[in-house]
Amino acid sequence: MEKIIIDEAKIILPYLLKHKNVWANYDNEADILYLHFKKPNNADNTEMTDDDIIIRYQKDEIIGLSILNASKRMNG
């Protein structure tokens, strides 16, 4: 379980360092964790990864992530 968390943190780290702030919201019913690197967060494009993460872009810059099935990722 720890390796998964560390690997996912390594992916997110460059965006945290660049934007200095991150806002997070969790939708318990939909089981989606939303991470926003910029406010306001108005995406003009999105991309779905193979591991069910939606990457949100604004003018080709990553401004947020939507992590689907978030609670299942913590159960190893």
N, C-alpha and C. Protein backbone atom coordinates (compact mmCIF):
# COMPACT_ATOMS: atom_id res chain seq x y z
N MET A 1 0.82 -1.19 0.00
CA MET A 1 0.00 0.00 0.00
C MET A 1 0.87 1.26 0.00
N GLU A 2 1.94 1.30 0.76
CA GLU A 2 2.75 2.49 0.84
C GLU A 2 3.38 2.86 -0.50
N LYS A 3 3.80 1.85 -1.29
CA LYS A 3 4.41 2.11 -2.59
C LYS A 3 3.44 2.82 -3.52
N ILE A 4 2.18 2.40 -3.51
CA ILE A 4 1.18 3.04 -4.36
C ILE A 4 1.03 4.51 -3.97
N ILE A 5 0.93 4.78 -2.70
CA ILE A 5 0.78 6.16 -2.24
C ILE A 5 1.99 6.99 -2.61
N ILE A 6 3.18 6.45 -2.42
CA ILE A 6 4.40 7.18 -2.76
C ILE A 6 4.48 7.43 -4.26
N ASP A 7 4.17 6.44 -5.07
CA ASP A 7 4.20 6.61 -6.52
C ASP A 7 3.22 7.69 -6.96
N GLU A 8 2.01 7.69 -6.40
CA GLU A 8 1.02 8.71 -6.77
C GLU A 8 1.44 10.09 -6.28
N ALA A 9 2.08 10.17 -5.12
CA ALA A 9 2.56 11.46 -4.61
C ALA A 9 3.65 12.02 -5.52
N LYS A 10 4.52 11.16 -6.05
CA LYS A 10 5.57 11.61 -6.96
C LYS A 10 5.00 12.23 -8.23
N ILE A 11 3.86 11.73 -8.67
CA ILE A 11 3.21 12.27 -9.87
C ILE A 11 2.66 13.67 -9.58
N ILE A 12 2.08 13.85 -8.41
CA ILE A 12 1.43 15.11 -8.06
C ILE A 12 2.41 16.18 -7.61
N LEU A 13 3.53 15.79 -7.04
CA LEU A 13 4.49 16.71 -6.43
C LEU A 13 4.90 17.89 -7.32
N PRO A 14 5.24 17.70 -8.60
CA PRO A 14 5.64 18.86 -9.41
C PRO A 14 4.57 19.94 -9.50
N TYR A 15 3.30 19.56 -9.51
CA TYR A 15 2.22 20.53 -9.60
C TYR A 15 2.02 21.26 -8.28
N LEU A 16 2.25 20.56 -7.18
CA LEU A 16 2.17 21.21 -5.87
C LEU A 16 3.28 22.25 -5.72
N LEU A 17 4.47 21.91 -6.15
CA LEU A 17 5.59 22.84 -6.05
C LEU A 17 5.42 24.04 -6.97
N LYS A 18 4.87 23.82 -8.13
CA LYS A 18 4.69 24.92 -9.09
C LYS A 18 3.62 25.90 -8.62
N HIS A 19 2.50 25.38 -8.14
CA HIS A 19 1.36 26.25 -7.81
C HIS A 19 1.32 26.67 -6.35
N LYS A 20 2.10 26.05 -5.50
CA LYS A 20 2.23 26.39 -4.08
C LYS A 20 1.00 26.04 -3.24
N ASN A 21 -0.16 25.94 -3.82
CA ASN A 21 -1.38 25.61 -3.10
C ASN A 21 -2.12 24.50 -3.83
N VAL A 22 -2.84 23.73 -3.06
CA VAL A 22 -3.72 22.72 -3.65
C VAL A 22 -5.00 22.72 -2.83
N TRP A 23 -6.11 22.63 -3.52
CA TRP A 23 -7.41 22.54 -2.86
C TRP A 23 -7.95 21.16 -3.16
N ALA A 24 -8.53 20.54 -2.18
CA ALA A 24 -9.03 19.17 -2.35
C ALA A 24 -10.48 19.10 -1.87
N ASN A 25 -11.27 18.37 -2.63
CA ASN A 25 -12.66 18.08 -2.27
C ASN A 25 -12.87 16.60 -2.51
N TYR A 26 -13.62 15.95 -1.61
CA TYR A 26 -13.92 14.54 -1.78
C TYR A 26 -15.43 14.37 -1.83
N ASP A 27 -15.92 13.73 -2.88
CA ASP A 27 -17.34 13.41 -3.03
C ASP A 27 -17.53 11.96 -2.58
N ASN A 28 -18.05 11.79 -1.37
CA ASN A 28 -18.20 10.47 -0.78
C ASN A 28 -19.15 9.59 -1.60
N GLU A 29 -20.23 10.15 -2.09
CA GLU A 29 -21.21 9.37 -2.84
C GLU A 29 -20.64 8.87 -4.17
N ALA A 30 -19.92 9.73 -4.87
CA ALA A 30 -19.33 9.35 -6.16
C ALA A 30 -17.95 8.71 -6.00
N ASP A 31 -17.36 8.81 -4.81
CA ASP A 31 -16.02 8.29 -4.52
C ASP A 31 -14.98 8.89 -5.45
N ILE A 32 -15.02 10.23 -5.54
CA ILE A 32 -14.07 10.95 -6.38
C ILE A 32 -13.35 12.00 -5.53
N LEU A 33 -12.02 12.00 -5.63
CA LEU A 33 -11.21 13.02 -4.99
C LEU A 33 -10.82 14.05 -6.05
N TYR A 34 -11.16 15.29 -5.80
CA TYR A 34 -10.84 16.38 -6.73
C TYR A 34 -9.67 17.17 -6.16
N LEU A 35 -8.62 17.33 -6.95
CA LEU A 35 -7.48 18.17 -6.58
C LEU A 35 -7.41 19.33 -7.56
N HIS A 36 -7.36 20.53 -7.01
CA HIS A 36 -7.32 21.74 -7.83
C HIS A 36 -6.00 22.45 -7.56
N PHE A 37 -5.25 22.76 -8.61
CA PHE A 37 -3.97 23.44 -8.48
C PHE A 37 -4.09 24.93 -8.79
N LYS A 38 -5.25 25.36 -9.21
CA LYS A 38 -5.45 26.74 -9.62
C LYS A 38 -6.88 27.12 -9.33
N LYS A 39 -7.09 28.32 -8.84
CA LYS A 39 -8.45 28.84 -8.64
C LYS A 39 -8.56 30.14 -9.42
N PRO A 40 -9.61 30.38 -10.15
CA PRO A 40 -10.68 29.44 -10.43
C PRO A 40 -10.18 28.32 -11.34
N ASN A 41 -10.85 27.22 -11.28
CA ASN A 41 -10.46 26.01 -11.99
C ASN A 41 -11.44 25.79 -13.15
N ASN A 42 -11.16 26.40 -14.28
CA ASN A 42 -12.03 26.30 -15.46
C ASN A 42 -11.31 25.56 -16.57
N ALA A 43 -11.48 24.25 -16.59
CA ALA A 43 -10.80 23.42 -17.59
C ALA A 43 -11.40 23.62 -18.98
N ASP A 44 -10.52 23.61 -19.98
CA ASP A 44 -10.99 23.66 -21.36
C ASP A 44 -10.70 22.34 -22.09
N ASN A 45 -10.05 21.39 -21.37
CA ASN A 45 -9.77 20.07 -21.95
C ASN A 45 -9.53 19.09 -20.81
N THR A 46 -9.81 17.82 -21.07
CA THR A 46 -9.56 16.77 -20.08
C THR A 46 -8.99 15.54 -20.77
N GLU A 47 -8.34 14.70 -19.96
CA GLU A 47 -7.78 13.45 -20.45
C GLU A 47 -7.96 12.40 -19.36
N MET A 48 -8.40 11.20 -19.73
CA MET A 48 -8.55 10.09 -18.78
C MET A 48 -7.35 9.18 -18.92
N THR A 49 -6.69 8.87 -17.80
CA THR A 49 -5.54 7.97 -17.81
C THR A 49 -6.02 6.53 -17.69
N ASP A 50 -5.11 5.59 -17.89
CA ASP A 50 -5.44 4.17 -17.78
C ASP A 50 -5.82 3.76 -16.37
N ASP A 51 -5.39 4.54 -15.37
CA ASP A 51 -5.68 4.20 -13.98
C ASP A 51 -6.79 5.08 -13.38
N ASP A 52 -7.72 5.50 -14.23
CA ASP A 52 -8.93 6.23 -13.81
C ASP A 52 -8.65 7.55 -13.09
N ILE A 53 -7.74 8.31 -13.64
CA ILE A 53 -7.51 9.67 -13.17
C ILE A 53 -7.82 10.61 -14.34
N ILE A 54 -8.66 11.58 -14.07
CA ILE A 54 -8.99 12.57 -15.09
C ILE A 54 -8.08 13.78 -14.87
N ILE A 55 -7.31 14.11 -15.88
CA ILE A 55 -6.42 15.27 -15.82
C ILE A 55 -7.14 16.44 -16.48
N ARG A 56 -7.24 17.56 -15.76
CA ARG A 56 -7.92 18.74 -16.28
C ARG A 56 -6.89 19.79 -16.71
N TYR A 57 -7.10 20.31 -17.90
CA TYR A 57 -6.18 21.29 -18.49
C TYR A 57 -6.88 22.63 -18.72
N GLN A 58 -6.08 23.67 -18.64
CA GLN A 58 -6.50 25.00 -19.08
C GLN A 58 -5.35 25.56 -19.91
N LYS A 59 -5.58 25.76 -21.18
CA LYS A 59 -4.54 26.23 -22.11
C LYS A 59 -3.29 25.37 -22.01
N ASP A 60 -3.45 24.06 -22.07
CA ASP A 60 -2.37 23.07 -22.06
C ASP A 60 -1.61 22.99 -20.73
N GLU A 61 -2.08 23.65 -19.68
CA GLU A 61 -1.47 23.55 -18.36
C GLU A 61 -2.38 22.69 -17.48
N ILE A 62 -1.80 21.75 -16.74
CA ILE A 62 -2.59 20.93 -15.83
C ILE A 62 -3.03 21.79 -14.65
N ILE A 63 -4.35 21.86 -14.45
CA ILE A 63 -4.88 22.67 -13.36
C ILE A 63 -5.59 21.84 -12.31
N GLY A 64 -5.74 20.54 -12.56
CA GLY A 64 -6.39 19.71 -11.56
C GLY A 64 -6.48 18.25 -11.96
N LEU A 65 -6.80 17.44 -10.96
CA LEU A 65 -6.98 16.01 -11.16
C LEU A 65 -8.27 15.58 -10.50
N SER A 66 -8.95 14.64 -11.11
CA SER A 66 -10.10 13.98 -10.50
C SER A 66 -9.74 12.51 -10.40
N ILE A 67 -9.63 12.01 -9.18
CA ILE A 67 -9.20 10.64 -8.94
C ILE A 67 -10.44 9.79 -8.66
N LEU A 68 -10.81 8.97 -9.64
CA LEU A 68 -11.98 8.12 -9.52
C LEU A 68 -11.69 6.94 -8.61
N ASN A 69 -12.73 6.42 -7.96
CA ASN A 69 -12.59 5.28 -7.05
C ASN A 69 -11.51 5.53 -6.00
N ALA A 70 -11.51 6.72 -5.44
CA ALA A 70 -10.45 7.14 -4.52
C ALA A 70 -10.34 6.24 -3.29
N SER A 71 -11.45 5.84 -2.70
CA SER A 71 -11.36 5.04 -1.47
C SER A 71 -10.79 3.65 -1.74
N LYS A 72 -10.99 3.12 -2.92
CA LYS A 72 -10.46 1.80 -3.26
C LYS A 72 -8.95 1.80 -3.39
N ARG A 73 -8.37 2.95 -3.65
CA ARG A 73 -6.91 3.06 -3.77
C ARG A 73 -6.23 2.97 -2.41
N MET A 74 -6.95 3.23 -1.36
CA MET A 74 -6.36 3.19 -0.03
C MET A 74 -6.42 1.80 0.58
N ASN A 75 -7.18 0.90 0.00
CA ASN A 75 -7.32 -0.43 0.57
C ASN A 75 -6.30 -1.42 0.05
N GLY A 76 -5.32 -0.90 -0.71
CA GLY A 76 -4.22 -1.72 -1.19
C GLY A 76 -4.62 -2.82 -2.06
